[in-house]
PDB file of N, CA and C in Angstrom:
ATOM      1  N   MET A   1      62.816 -18.324 -43.374  1.00  0.00           N
ATOM      2  CA  MET A   1      63.779 -17.892 -43.530  1.00  0.00           C
ATOM      3  C   MET A   1      65.523 -17.955 -42.848  1.00  0.00           C
ATOM      4  N   LYS A   2      65.677 -18.913 -42.070  1.00  0.00           N
ATOM      5  CA  LYS A   2      66.127 -19.709 -40.613  1.00  0.00           C
ATOM      6  C   LYS A   2      67.185 -20.085 -42.181  1.00  0.00           C
ATOM      7  N   HIS A   3      66.551 -21.136 -43.082  1.00  0.00           N
ATOM      8  CA  HIS A   3      67.454 -21.941 -44.065  1.00  0.00           C
ATOM      9  C   HIS A   3      67.773 -21.635 -44.451  1.00  0.00           C
ATOM     10  N   LEU A   4      67.669 -19.991 -45.461  1.00  0.00           N
ATOM     11  CA  LEU A   4      68.123 -19.066 -46.106  1.00  0.00           C
ATOM     12  C   LEU A   4      69.353 -18.735 -45.733  1.00  0.00           C
ATOM     13  N   ILE A   5      69.769 -18.410 -44.188  1.00  0.00           N
ATOM     14  CA  ILE A   5      70.591 -17.465 -43.665  1.00  0.00           C
ATOM     15  C   ILE A   5      71.705 -18.384 -43.345  1.00  0.00           C
ATOM     16  N   ASN A   6      71.539 -20.265 -42.742  1.00  0.00           N
ATOM     17  CA  ASN A   6      72.605 -21.285 -43.054  1.00  0.00           C
ATOM     18  C   ASN A   6      72.917 -21.448 -44.029  1.00  0.00           C
ATOM     19  N   GLU A   7      72.420 -21.109 -45.185  1.00  0.00           N
ATOM     20  CA  GLU A   7      73.357 -21.503 -46.579  1.00  0.00           C
ATOM     21  C   GLU A   7      74.436 -20.229 -47.162  1.00  0.00           C
ATOM     22  N   LEU A   8      74.663 -19.678 -46.332  1.00  0.00           N
ATOM     23  CA  LEU A   8      75.173 -18.542 -46.664  1.00  0.00           C
ATOM     24  C   LEU A   8      76.453 -19.114 -46.183  1.00  0.00           C
ATOM     25  N   ASP A   9      77.831 -18.773 -46.547  1.00  0.00           N
ATOM     26  CA  ASP A   9      79.039 -19.001 -46.004  1.00  0.00           C
ATOM     27  C   ASP A   9      79.456 -18.276 -44.328  1.00  0.00           C
ATOM     28  N   ALA A  10      79.898 -19.129 -44.036  1.00  0.00           N
ATOM     29  CA  ALA A  10      79.965 -18.306 -42.609  1.00  0.00           C
ATOM     30  C   ALA A  10      79.947 -17.278 -42.380  1.00  0.00           C
ATOM     31  N   ASN A  11      80.934 -16.210 -42.670  1.00  0.00           N
ATOM     32  CA  ASN A  11      81.673 -15.284 -43.035  1.00  0.00           C
ATOM     33  C   ASN A  11      80.465 -13.830 -43.532  1.00  0.00           C
ATOM     34  N   THR A  12      79.822 -14.365 -45.057  1.00  0.00           N
ATOM     35  CA  THR A  12      78.812 -13.833 -44.936  1.00  0.00           C
ATOM     36  C   THR A  12      77.487 -13.709 -43.499  1.00  0.00           C
ATOM     37  N   ARG A  13      77.779 -14.723 -43.634  1.00  0.00           N
ATOM     38  CA  ARG A  13      75.866 -15.226 -42.814  1.00  0.00           C
ATOM     39  C   ARG A  13      76.264 -14.181 -41.158  1.00  0.00           C
ATOM     40  N   GLU A  14      78.034 -13.957 -40.495  1.00  0.00           N
ATOM     41  CA  GLU A  14      78.246 -13.543 -39.763  1.00  0.00           C
ATOM     42  C   GLU A  14      77.829 -11.899 -39.675  1.00  0.00           C
ATOM     43  N   VAL A  15      78.287 -11.568 -40.878  1.00  0.00           N
ATOM     44  CA  VAL A  15      77.960 -10.089 -40.732  1.00  0.00           C
ATOM     45  C   VAL A  15      76.416  -9.203 -40.772  1.00  0.00           C
ATOM     46  N   PHE A  16      76.431 -10.726 -41.444  1.00  0.00           N
ATOM     47  CA  PHE A  16      74.350  -9.963 -42.089  1.00  0.00           C
ATOM     48  C   PHE A  16      73.697 -10.261 -40.663  1.00  0.00           C
ATOM     49  N   LEU A  17      73.900 -11.103 -40.098  1.00  0.00           N
ATOM     50  CA  LEU A  17      73.469 -11.167 -38.683  1.00  0.00           C
ATOM     51  C   LEU A  17      73.979 -10.055 -37.595  1.00  0.00           C
ATOM     52  N   TYR A  18      74.766  -9.993 -37.437  1.00  0.00           N
ATOM     53  CA  TYR A  18      75.771  -8.757 -37.121  1.00  0.00           C
ATOM     54  C   TYR A  18      75.321  -7.222 -37.176  1.00  0.00           C
ATOM     55  N   TYR A  19      75.171  -6.961 -39.154  1.00  0.00           N
ATOM     56  CA  TYR A  19      74.473  -5.913 -39.313  1.00  0.00           C
ATOM     57  C   TYR A  19      72.645  -5.456 -38.626  1.00  0.00           C
ATOM     58  N   GLN A  20      71.733  -6.914 -38.989  1.00  0.00           N
ATOM     59  CA  GLN A  20      71.080  -6.847 -38.023  1.00  0.00           C
ATOM     60  C   GLN A  20      70.883  -6.467 -36.418  1.00  0.00           C
ATOM     61  N   LYS A  21      71.480  -7.089 -35.702  1.00  0.00           N
ATOM     62  CA  LYS A  21      71.212  -7.321 -34.984  1.00  0.00           C
ATOM     63  C   LYS A  21      71.935  -5.579 -34.237  1.00  0.00           C
ATOM     64  N   LEU A  22      72.814  -5.147 -34.733  1.00  0.00           N
ATOM     65  CA  LEU A  22      73.330  -3.868 -34.890  1.00  0.00           C
ATOM     66  C   LEU A  22      71.648  -2.580 -34.914  1.00  0.00           C
ATOM     67  N   GLU A  23      71.349  -2.726 -36.109  1.00  0.00           N
ATOM     68  CA  GLU A  23      70.618  -1.890 -36.290  1.00  0.00           C
ATOM     69  C   GLU A  23      68.867  -2.542 -35.874  1.00  0.00           C
ATOM     70  N   LEU A  24      68.496  -3.531 -35.353  1.00  0.00           N
ATOM     71  CA  LEU A  24      67.654  -4.095 -34.430  1.00  0.00           C
ATOM     72  C   LEU A  24      67.685  -3.066 -32.820  1.00  0.00           C
ATOM     73  N   GLU A  25      68.595  -3.506 -32.462  1.00  0.00           N
ATOM     74  CA  GLU A  25      68.991  -2.929 -31.173  1.00  0.00           C
ATOM     75  C   GLU A  25      69.391  -1.702 -31.069  1.00  0.00           C
ATOM     76  N   ARG A  26      70.139  -0.745 -32.183  1.00  0.00           N
ATOM     77  CA  ARG A  26      69.480   0.844 -32.036  1.00  0.00           C
ATOM     78  C   ARG A  26      68.134   1.644 -32.200  1.00  0.00           C
ATOM     79  N   LYS A  27      67.226   0.510 -32.500  1.00  0.00           N
ATOM     80  CA  LYS A  27      66.106   0.854 -32.647  1.00  0.00           C
ATOM     81  C   LYS A  27      65.493   0.836 -31.488  1.00  0.00           C
ATOM     82  N   MET A  28      66.137  -0.177 -30.490  1.00  0.00           N
ATOM     83  CA  MET A  28      65.466  -0.848 -29.187  1.00  0.00           C
ATOM     84  C   MET A  28      66.022   0.436 -28.051  1.00  0.00           C
ATOM     85  N   LYS A  29      67.179   0.327 -28.337  1.00  0.00           N
ATOM     86  CA  LYS A  29      67.821   1.919 -27.290  1.00  0.00           C
ATOM     87  C   LYS A  29      66.977   2.806 -27.277  1.00  0.00           C
ATOM     88  N   ILE A  30      66.892   3.486 -28.461  1.00  0.00           N
ATOM     89  CA  ILE A  30      65.466   4.265 -28.467  1.00  0.00           C
ATOM     90  C   ILE A  30      64.244   4.247 -27.694  1.00  0.00           C
ATOM     91  N   ILE A  31      64.068   3.078 -27.335  1.00  0.00           N
ATOM     92  CA  ILE A  31      62.243   3.226 -27.117  1.00  0.00           C
ATOM     93  C   ILE A  31      62.750   2.463 -25.437  1.00  0.00           C
ATOM     94  N   ALA A  32      63.593   2.360 -25.513  1.00  0.00           N
ATOM     95  CA  ALA A  32      63.680   1.496 -23.683  1.00  0.00           C
ATOM     96  C   ALA A  32      63.423   2.482 -22.378  1.00  0.00           C
ATOM     97  N   GLY A  33      62.618   1.364 -21.197  1.00  0.00           N
ATOM     98  CA  GLY A  33      61.734   2.473 -20.776  1.00  0.00           C
ATOM     99  C   GLY A  33      62.678   1.640 -19.746  1.00  0.00           C
ATOM    100  N   HIS A  34      64.018   1.179 -19.732  1.00  0.00           N
ATOM    101  CA  HIS A  34      64.672   1.109 -18.056  1.00  0.00           C
ATOM    102  C   HIS A  34      66.199   0.937 -19.362  1.00  0.00           C
ATOM    103  N   PRO A  35      66.863   2.178 -19.642  1.00  0.00           N
ATOM    104  CA  PRO A  35      68.120   1.903 -20.341  1.00  0.00           C
ATOM    105  C   PRO A  35      68.946   1.709 -19.630  1.00  0.00           C
ATOM    106  N   LYS A  36      69.326   2.352 -18.464  1.00  0.00           N
ATOM    107  CA  LYS A  36      70.938   1.372 -18.069  1.00  0.00           C
ATOM    108  C   LYS A  36      70.500   0.182 -18.050  1.00  0.00           C
ATOM    109  N   GLY A  37      69.603  -0.604 -17.530  1.00  0.00           N
ATOM    110  CA  GLY A  37      69.484  -2.559 -17.165  1.00  0.00           C
ATOM    111  C   GLY A  37      69.625  -2.594 -18.715  1.00  0.00           C
ATOM    112  N   TYR A  38      68.864  -1.962 -19.796  1.00  0.00           N
ATOM    113  CA  TYR A  38      68.926  -2.391 -21.434  1.00  0.00           C
ATOM    114  C   TYR A  38      70.397  -2.319 -21.788  1.00  0.00           C
ATOM    115  N   GLU A  39      71.065  -1.736 -21.491  1.00  0.00           N
ATOM    116  CA  GLU A  39      72.536  -1.253 -22.213  1.00  0.00           C
ATOM    117  C   GLU A  39      73.682  -1.748 -21.114  1.00  0.00           C
ATOM    118  N   ASP A  40      73.147  -2.191 -20.147  1.00  0.00           N
ATOM    119  CA  ASP A  40      73.785  -3.691 -19.238  1.00  0.00           C
ATOM    120  C   ASP A  40      74.013  -4.964 -19.796  1.00  0.00           C
ATOM    121  N   MET A  41      72.772  -5.009 -20.292  1.00  0.00           N
ATOM    122  CA  MET A  41      72.555  -6.789 -21.010  1.00  0.00           C
ATOM    123  C   MET A  41      72.590  -6.278 -22.464  1.00  0.00           C
ATOM    124  N   ARG A  42      72.969  -5.222 -22.695  1.00  0.00           N
ATOM    125  CA  ARG A  42      73.616  -5.388 -24.636  1.00  0.00           C
ATOM    126  C   ARG A  42      75.144  -5.533 -24.729  1.00  0.00           C
ATOM    127  N   PHE A  43      75.496  -4.632 -23.396  1.00  0.00           N
ATOM    128  CA  PHE A  43      77.505  -4.857 -22.955  1.00  0.00           C
ATOM    129  C   PHE A  43      77.303  -6.961 -23.008  1.00  0.00           C
ATOM    130  N   GLN A  44      76.253  -6.968 -22.458  1.00  0.00           N
ATOM    131  CA  GLN A  44      76.893  -8.871 -21.895  1.00  0.00           C
ATOM    132  C   GLN A  44      77.282  -9.094 -23.418  1.00  0.00           C
ATOM    133  N   THR A  45      75.886  -9.438 -24.409  1.00  0.00           N
ATOM    134  CA  THR A  45      75.601 -10.034 -25.243  1.00  0.00           C
ATOM    135  C   THR A  45      76.497  -9.357 -26.655  1.00  0.00           C
ATOM    136  N   ARG A  46      76.840  -8.292 -26.544  1.00  0.00           N
ATOM    137  CA  ARG A  46      77.753  -7.126 -28.054  1.00  0.00           C
ATOM    138  C   ARG A  46      78.637  -8.371 -28.649  1.00  0.00           C
ATOM    139  N   SER A  47      79.059  -9.472 -28.392  1.00  0.00           N
ATOM    140  CA  SER A  47      80.263 -10.071 -28.942  1.00  0.00           C
ATOM    141  C   SER A  47      79.660 -11.606 -29.753  1.00  0.00           C
ATOM    142  N   ASN A  48      78.456 -11.699 -29.470  1.00  0.00           N
ATOM    143  CA  ASN A  48      77.183 -12.394 -30.017  1.00  0.00           C
ATOM    144  C   ASN A  48      76.270 -11.937 -31.712  1.00  0.00           C
ATOM    145  N   SER A  49      76.925 -12.236 -32.654  1.00  0.00           N
ATOM    146  CA  SER A  49      75.937 -11.870 -33.760  1.00  0.00           C
ATOM    147  C   SER A  49      74.924 -12.829 -33.636  1.00  0.00           C
ATOM    148  N   TYR A  50      74.523 -13.985 -33.247  1.00  0.00           N
ATOM    149  CA  TYR A  50      73.170 -14.494 -33.124  1.00  0.00           C
ATOM    150  C   TYR A  50      72.113 -13.901 -32.057  1.00  0.00           C
ATOM    151  N   LEU A  51      73.060 -13.493 -30.882  1.00  0.00           N
ATOM    152  CA  LEU A  51      72.292 -12.813 -29.679  1.00  0.00           C
ATOM    153  C   LEU A  51      71.555 -11.380 -30.111  1.00  0.00           C
ATOM    154  N   LEU A  52      70.242 -11.135 -29.892  1.00  0.00           N
ATOM    155  CA  LEU A  52      69.684 -10.107 -29.810  1.00  0.00           C
ATOM    156  C   LEU A  52      68.971  -9.314 -28.927  1.00  0.00           C
ATOM    157  N   THR A  53      69.578  -7.869 -28.596  1.00  0.00           N
ATOM    158  CA  THR A  53      69.418  -7.283 -26.853  1.00  0.00           C
ATOM    159  C   THR A  53      67.885  -7.422 -27.122  1.00  0.00           C
ATOM    160  N   VAL A  54      66.766  -6.958 -26.494  1.00  0.00           N
ATOM    161  CA  VAL A  54      65.364  -6.700 -26.275  1.00  0.00           C
ATOM    162  C   VAL A  54      64.999  -5.747 -25.228  1.00  0.00           C
ATOM    163  N   GLU A  55      64.089  -5.739 -24.951  1.00  0.00           N
ATOM    164  CA  GLU A  55      63.427  -5.262 -23.674  1.00  0.00           C
ATOM    165  C   GLU A  55      61.689  -5.254 -23.775  1.00  0.00           C
ATOM    166  N   GLY A  56      61.694  -5.992 -22.829  1.00  0.00           N
ATOM    167  CA  GLY A  56      60.153  -6.709 -22.179  1.00  0.00           C
ATOM    168  C   GLY A  56      59.068  -5.281 -21.206  1.00  0.00           C
ATOM    169  N   HIS A  57      58.428  -5.164 -21.547  1.00  0.00           N
ATOM    170  CA  HIS A  57      57.604  -4.368 -20.345  1.00  0.00           C
ATOM    171  C   HIS A  57      56.344  -5.536 -19.762  1.00  0.00           C
ATOM    172  N   CYS A  58      56.241  -5.627 -19.318  1.00  0.00           N
ATOM    173  CA  CYS A  58      55.166  -6.344 -18.951  1.00  0.00           C
ATOM    174  C   CYS A  58      53.716  -5.377 -18.092  1.00  0.00           C
ATOM    175  N   LYS A  59      52.723  -5.784 -19.184  1.00  0.00           N
ATOM    176  CA  LYS A  59      51.620  -4.722 -18.062  1.00  0.00           C
ATOM    177  C   LYS A  59      50.821  -4.824 -17.306  1.00  0.00           C
ATOM    178  N   PHE A  60      50.987  -6.147 -16.371  1.00  0.00           N
ATOM    179  CA  PHE A  60      50.714  -5.860 -15.487  1.00  0.00           C
ATOM    180  C   PHE A  60      51.422  -6.217 -14.349  1.00  0.00           C
ATOM    181  N   CYS A  61      52.902  -6.233 -14.007  1.00  0.00           N
ATOM    182  CA  CYS A  61      53.541  -5.493 -12.722  1.00  0.00           C
ATOM    183  C   CYS A  61      54.095  -4.350 -13.353  1.00  0.00           C
ATOM    184  N   GLN A  62      54.278  -4.294 -14.324  1.00  0.00           N
ATOM    185  CA  GLN A  62      55.117  -2.853 -15.336  1.00  0.00           C
ATOM    186  C   GLN A  62      56.577  -2.375 -14.947  1.00  0.00           C
ATOM    187  N   HIS A  63      57.019  -4.095 -14.989  1.00  0.00           N
ATOM    188  CA  HIS A  63      58.293  -4.148 -15.071  1.00  0.00           C
ATOM    189  C   HIS A  63      58.930  -4.587 -15.805  1.00  0.00           C
ATOM    190  N   TYR A  64      60.622  -3.509 -16.280  1.00  0.00           N
ATOM    191  CA  TYR A  64      60.513  -3.406 -17.515  1.00  0.00           C
ATOM    192  C   TYR A  64      61.760  -4.769 -17.388  1.00  0.00           C
ATOM    193  N   THR A  65      62.338  -5.596 -18.082  1.00  0.00           N
ATOM    194  CA  THR A  65      62.910  -6.746 -18.580  1.00  0.00           C
ATOM    195  C   THR A  65      63.769  -6.662 -19.812  1.00  0.00           C
ATOM    196  N   PRO A  66      65.449  -6.566 -19.243  1.00  0.00           N
ATOM    197  CA  PRO A  66      65.941  -6.846 -21.137  1.00  0.00           C
ATOM    198  C   PRO A  66      66.198  -8.249 -20.947  1.00  0.00           C
ATOM    199  N   LEU A  67      66.269  -8.366 -22.265  1.00  0.00           N
ATOM    200  CA  LEU A  67      66.492 -10.307 -22.196  1.00  0.00           C
ATOM    201  C   LEU A  67      67.317 -10.085 -23.973  1.00  0.00           C
ATOM    202  N   GLY A  68      67.969 -10.987 -23.806  1.00  0.00           N
ATOM    203  CA  GLY A  68      69.132 -11.958 -25.183  1.00  0.00           C
ATOM    204  C   GLY A  68      67.784 -12.745 -25.746  1.00  0.00           C
ATOM    205  N   VAL A  69      67.659 -12.667 -26.485  1.00  0.00           N
ATOM    206  CA  VAL A  69      66.937 -13.376 -27.468  1.00  0.00           C
ATOM    207  C   VAL A  69      67.774 -13.902 -28.676  1.00  0.00           C
ATOM    208  N   GLU A  70      67.593 -15.237 -29.548  1.00  0.00           N
ATOM    209  CA  GLU A  70      68.415 -15.453 -30.813  1.00  0.00           C
ATOM    210  C   GLU A  70      67.103 -15.377 -31.343  1.00  0.00           C
ATOM    211  N   LEU A  71      68.715 -14.138 -32.695  1.00  0.00           N
ATOM    212  CA  LEU A  71      67.814 -13.384 -33.207  1.00  0.00           C
ATOM    213  C   LEU A  71      66.775 -13.841 -33.937  1.00  0.00           C
ATOM    214  N   LEU A  72      67.276 -14.681 -34.844  1.00  0.00           N
ATOM    215  CA  LEU A  72      66.581 -15.356 -35.695  1.00  0.00           C
ATOM    216  C   LEU A  72      65.017 -15.428 -35.580  1.00  0.00           C
ATOM    217  N   ASP A  73      65.149 -16.307 -34.194  1.00  0.00           N
ATOM    218  CA  ASP A  73      63.860 -16.722 -33.320  1.00  0.00           C
ATOM    219  C   ASP A  73      62.940 -15.944 -33.185  1.00  0.00           C
ATOM    220  N   TYR A  74      63.153 -14.115 -32.595  1.00  0.00           N
ATOM    221  CA  TYR A  74      62.703 -13.086 -32.831  1.00  0.00           C
ATOM    222  C   TYR A  74      62.167 -12.726 -33.887  1.00  0.00           C
ATOM    223  N   ARG A  75      63.084 -12.963 -35.061  1.00  0.00           N
ATOM    224  CA  ARG A  75      62.625 -12.506 -36.879  1.00  0.00           C
ATOM    225  C   ARG A  75      61.392 -13.063 -36.605  1.00  0.00           C
ATOM    226  N   GLU A  76      61.436 -14.359 -36.737  1.00  0.00           N
ATOM    227  CA  GLU A  76      59.912 -15.521 -36.845  1.00  0.00           C
ATOM    228  C   GLU A  76      59.116 -15.291 -35.715  1.00  0.00           C
ATOM    229  N   LYS A  77      59.429 -14.655 -34.990  1.00  0.00           N
ATOM    230  CA  LYS A  77      58.224 -14.757 -33.715  1.00  0.00           C
ATOM    231  C   LYS A  77      57.304 -13.465 -34.471  1.00  0.00           C
ATOM    232  N   THR A  78      58.389 -12.335 -34.279  1.00  0.00           N
ATOM    233  CA  THR A  78      57.481 -11.259 -34.864  1.00  0.00           C
ATOM    234  C   THR A  78      56.942 -11.022 -36.352  1.00  0.00           C
ATOM    235  N   ILE A  79      57.174 -12.342 -36.905  1.00  0.00           N
ATOM    236  CA  ILE A  79      57.030 -12.669 -37.863  1.00  0.00           C
ATOM    237  C   ILE A  79      55.194 -13.301 -38.036  1.00  0.00           C
ATOM    238  N   GLU A  80      55.030 -14.198 -37.106  1.00  0.00           N
ATOM    239  CA  GLU A  80      54.745 -15.366 -37.551  1.00  0.00           C
ATOM    240  C   GLU A  80      53.638 -15.167 -36.014  1.00  0.00           C
ATOM    241  N   ASP A  81      54.130 -14.964 -35.178  1.00  0.00           N
ATOM    242  CA  ASP A  81      53.715 -14.865 -33.491  1.00  0.00           C
ATOM    243  C   ASP A  81      53.298 -13.239 -32.773  1.00  0.00           C
ATOM    244  N   ARG A  82      53.161 -12.824 -33.829  1.00  0.00           N
ATOM    245  CA  ARG A  82      52.651 -11.324 -32.972  1.00  0.00           C
ATOM    246  C   ARG A  82      51.542 -11.175 -33.180  1.00  0.00           C
ATOM    247  N   ASN A  83      50.904 -10.200 -32.103  1.00  0.00           N
ATOM    248  CA  ASN A  83      50.212  -9.849 -31.047  1.00  0.00           C
ATOM    249  C   ASN A  83      49.550  -8.733 -32.763  1.00  0.00           C
ATOM    250  N   GLU A  84      49.083  -8.642 -33.539  1.00  0.00           N
ATOM    251  CA  GLU A  84      48.395  -7.750 -34.183  1.00  0.00           C
ATOM    252  C   GLU A  84      47.565  -6.741 -33.477  1.00  0.00           C
ATOM    253  N   MET A  85      47.308  -7.287 -32.499  1.00  0.00           N
ATOM    254  CA  MET A  85      46.338  -5.384 -32.261  1.00  0.00           C
ATOM    255  C   MET A  85      47.655  -4.354 -31.550  1.00  0.00           C
ATOM    256  N   PHE A  86      48.566  -5.242 -30.293  1.00  0.00           N
ATOM    257  CA  PHE A  86      49.358  -4.471 -30.248  1.00  0.00           C
ATOM    258  C   PHE A  86      50.641  -4.437 -31.088  1.00  0.00           C
ATOM    259  N   GLY A  87      50.596  -5.188 -31.531  1.00  0.00           N
ATOM    260  CA  GLY A  87      52.801  -4.856 -33.038  1.00  0.00           C
ATOM    261  C   GLY A  87      53.761  -5.386 -32.342  1.00  0.00           C
ATOM    262  N   CYS A  88      53.501  -6.710 -31.220  1.00  0.00           N
ATOM    263  CA  CYS A  88      54.645  -6.802 -30.543  1.00  0.00           C
ATOM    264  C   CYS A  88      54.118  -8.450 -29.934  1.00  0.00           C
ATOM    265  N   VAL A  89      55.633  -8.845 -29.737  1.00  0.00           N
ATOM    266  CA  VAL A  89      54.857 -10.015 -29.350  1.00  0.00           C
ATOM    267  C   VAL A  89      55.143 -10.514 -27.663  1.00  0.00           C
ATOM    268  N   VAL A  90      54.123 -11.428 -27.135  1.00  0.00           N
ATOM    269  CA  VAL A  90      53.637 -11.618 -26.011  1.00  0.00           C
ATOM    270  C   VAL A  90      54.409 -12.398 -25.517  1.00  0.00           C
ATOM    271  N   THR A  91      54.847 -12.971 -24.110  1.00  0.00           N
ATOM    272  CA  THR A  91      55.376 -13.875 -23.144  1.00  0.00           C
ATOM    273  C   THR A  91      55.256 -14.130 -21.831  1.00  0.00           C
ATOM    274  N   ASP A  92      55.845 -14.777 -21.013  1.00  0.00           N
ATOM    275  CA  ASP A  92      55.215 -14.634 -19.921  1.00  0.00           C
ATOM    276  C   ASP A  92      56.533 -13.905 -18.910  1.00  0.00           C
ATOM    277  N   CYS A  93      56.116 -13.326 -18.436  1.00  0.00           N
ATOM    278  CA  CYS A  93      57.436 -12.048 -17.560  1.00  0.00           C
ATOM    279  C   CYS A  93      57.559 -13.193 -16.042  1.00  0.00           C
ATOM    280  N   PRO A  94      59.172 -13.196 -16.298  1.00  0.00           N
ATOM    281  CA  PRO A  94      60.374 -13.028 -15.453  1.00  0.00           C
ATOM    282  C   PRO A  94      59.989 -12.885 -13.587  1.00  0.00           C
ATOM    283  N   VAL A  95      59.471 -11.716 -13.696  1.00  0.00           N
ATOM    284  CA  VAL A  95      59.313 -11.513 -12.357  1.00  0.00           C
ATOM    285  C   VAL A  95      57.495 -11.811 -11.770  1.00  0.00           C
ATOM    286  N   CYS A  96      56.617 -11.569 -12.602  1.00  0.00           N
ATOM    287  CA  CYS A  96      55.674 -11.879 -12.057  1.00  0.00           C
ATOM    288  C   CYS A  96      54.616 -13.520 -12.098  1.00  0.00           C
ATOM    289  N   ASN A  97      55.853 -14.020 -13.393  1.00  0.00           N
ATOM    290  CA  ASN A  97      54.906 -15.262 -14.378  1.00  0.00           C
ATOM    291  C   ASN A  97      54.073 -15.159 -14.622  1.00  0.00           C
ATOM    292  N   ILE A  98      53.393 -14.200 -15.089  1.00  0.00           N
ATOM    293  CA  ILE A  98      52.145 -13.617 -15.835  1.00  0.00           C
ATOM    294  C   ILE A  98      52.285 -13.791 -17.840  1.00  0.00           C
ATOM    295  N   HIS A  99      51.272 -13.704 -18.225  1.00  0.00           N
ATOM    296  CA  HIS A  99      51.724 -13.845 -19.560  1.00  0.00           C
ATOM    297  C   HIS A  99      51.247 -12.564 -20.435  1.00  0.00           C
ATOM    298  N   SER A 100      52.298 -12.200 -19.657  1.00  0.00           N
ATOM    299  CA  SER A 100      52.332 -10.142 -20.137  1.00  0.00           C
ATOM    300  C   SER A 100      52.914  -9.466 -20.659  1.00  0.00           C
ATOM    301  N   LEU A 101      54.194  -9.930 -20.866  1.00  0.00           N
ATOM    302  CA  LEU A 101      55.661  -9.316 -21.281  1.00  0.00           C
ATOM    303  C   LEU A 101      55.232  -9.198 -22.315  1.00  0.00           C
ATOM    304  N   PHE A 102      55.095  -7.755 -23.063  1.00  0.00           N
ATOM    305  CA  PHE A 102      55.431  -7.459 -23.833  1.00  0.00           C
ATOM    306  C   PHE A 102      56.775  -6.925 -24.789  1.00  0.00           C
ATOM    307  N   ILE A 103      57.048  -7.827 -25.546  1.00  0.00           N
ATOM    308  CA  ILE A 103      58.248  -7.459 -26.764  1.00  0.00           C
ATOM    309  C   ILE A 103      58.073  -6.987 -27.974  1.00  0.00           C
ATOM    310  N   PRO A 104      58.729  -5.842 -27.861  1.00  0.00           N
ATOM    311  CA  PRO A 104      57.967  -4.202 -29.692  1.00  0.00           C
ATOM    312  C   PRO A 104      58.245  -5.509 -30.413  1.00  0.00           C
ATOM    313  N   ASN A 105      57.825  -5.451 -31.715  1.00  0.00           N
ATOM    314  CA  ASN A 105      58.554  -5.507 -32.325  1.00  0.00           C
ATOM    315  C   ASN A 105      59.262  -4.297 -33.637  1.00  0.00           C
ATOM    316  N   LEU A 106      60.432  -4.755 -34.103  1.00  0.00           N
ATOM    317  CA  LEU A 106      61.668  -3.739 -34.100  1.00  0.00           C
ATOM    318  C   LEU A 106      61.841  -3.703 -35.260  1.00  0.00           C
ATOM    319  N   LEU A 107      61.198  -4.775 -36.501  1.00  0.00           N
ATOM    320  CA  LEU A 107      61.124  -5.140 -37.859  1.00  0.00           C
ATOM    321  C   LEU A 107      60.688  -3.962 -38.573  1.00  0.00           C
ATOM    322  N   TYR A 108      59.668  -3.560 -37.936  1.00  0.00           N
ATOM    323  CA  TYR A 108      58.565  -2.597 -38.873  1.00  0.00           C
ATOM    324  C   TYR A 108      58.688  -1.096 -38.610  1.00  0.00           C
TER     325      TYR A 108
END
């Protein structure tokens, strides 16, 4: 997918990625467990069309963590590396350092 998007002219690529960013962040806003923290991070990343703001929830320490992730990397990971049982991507929690931060799949 990355190589296909990179073949687009710069303006078309920016518009496509920004549209994707807005749509996915709209979905995330609805399910955010800590909306204030999520919106603060979203505000910080608003001008970068390549950076998607998501929120992960740690199943161990119960902390909600807003993250800025590369949009194309997120798309790739949710398609290839997602946890089929939970329908999300699991990564390390920055608070407790345990592999228990669940980031929802917003693509489906």
